[in-house]
């Protein structure tokens, strides 16, 4: 266990009071679950989370009477209860050390040292963190992600009764009645044998409404082609009235708005950090792609349904948002000739496939996304934003998330 933790976190962590703690001591204490808390002292939502997380942390560890950092580096006299074997590490994007110190001072958990800026950035990229605050739970032995949306865990299970919050099968999480907009109710068992799109959306969100209009046509085309496909709307609307108004435009199914617990469990299962998000599942409930939004917009005729991920993408207006998710290898060819773009994709595809396969074997996401950029306005905008030369062909690795998350 300690080997994984040291590779992930380095040799030393610090308490809120500034004391150093050896990372290998976490392994000696039998930590079962590691929470990575991504945040910043300048963020009001992070300040709010810190308060609620402190109470949650103390309840689970049974040290409500302890002060900040108490017991963080101490060896355990006896084997702790399973749900007490939790540690949290704060991963900051602060640029001012004094502000960072003031923020971590009252934290009862540990933090990456302020000077570890490179390691912090690697963690932001590794776990594709795009919003703060963010709390991700990892199995401390294997390093596998247990839950990507720990904020919902704190809200839904404040006593930690479901510890360690591991992912459950889709079939189990979705179990229960589903609705059509005419009021008809169907059991979730009706989804068996179908590809399923889990659609997280809300009426108040303009990009959601735009995507819904396209998705209605895609849904119709897929069904008319004889494919077994269903979509489940998981609402983030702010009222049942808004939900009903929005759902009236949809020809598919929905989790009842009143079933907040099931909607929350689906958000937790897929670690939803923003909307609209369309997750596409195979008939066994396994994820095919988390980028259903991009696939629908890029494939209006649905010829490539169910949209198995491609190792190399051709940069477009619709998929450019993925550049912000982490490091990306981009081959600029600056040509409108489809033949040149295809040749460029074939050039880097073996590399992409090898890297993707390596990380898939470890049940991890690849650390790079792969793009070919042709000659269009999107490519020009990307060159301008990153101050890249006009040379072509040009092979580069861009880390747009470094600007978004740390600057």
Foldseek 3Di string as FASTA:
>chain_A
DLVVQCVQQNQWWAWLQGDIAGSSLLVQQVQFKEKEWEDELVDPVQLVCQVLVQLLLCLQLVPPVDFAQPPQRDHDPDNDDNSNSYAYEYQYLDPDVVSVSVSRNRRNGIYRDPVPNVSSQVVCLQLLDQDPRWMWMAGPPLRHTAWGHCVLVCVVPSNCPVPPNGADFPCVLQADWKAALVGDIDTPVVLAPAKEKEWEAFPVDVVRVVLQVLVQLVVVLCVVVVHRYAYEYLYPYPDLVRVSVSSNSHGGIYDRPVPVVSSSSVCGNVVDDDDGWIFIAGSRRHTQDRVVSLVSVVCSNCPVPVCRDALEEEDDPSCVVCLQRFKEKEFEAAAPDPVVQVVVCVVCRVVSVVQQVVVVVSVGGRSYGHYYYYHDPVVVVVCVVVVPDPDPRDIDMDTNNCVSRND
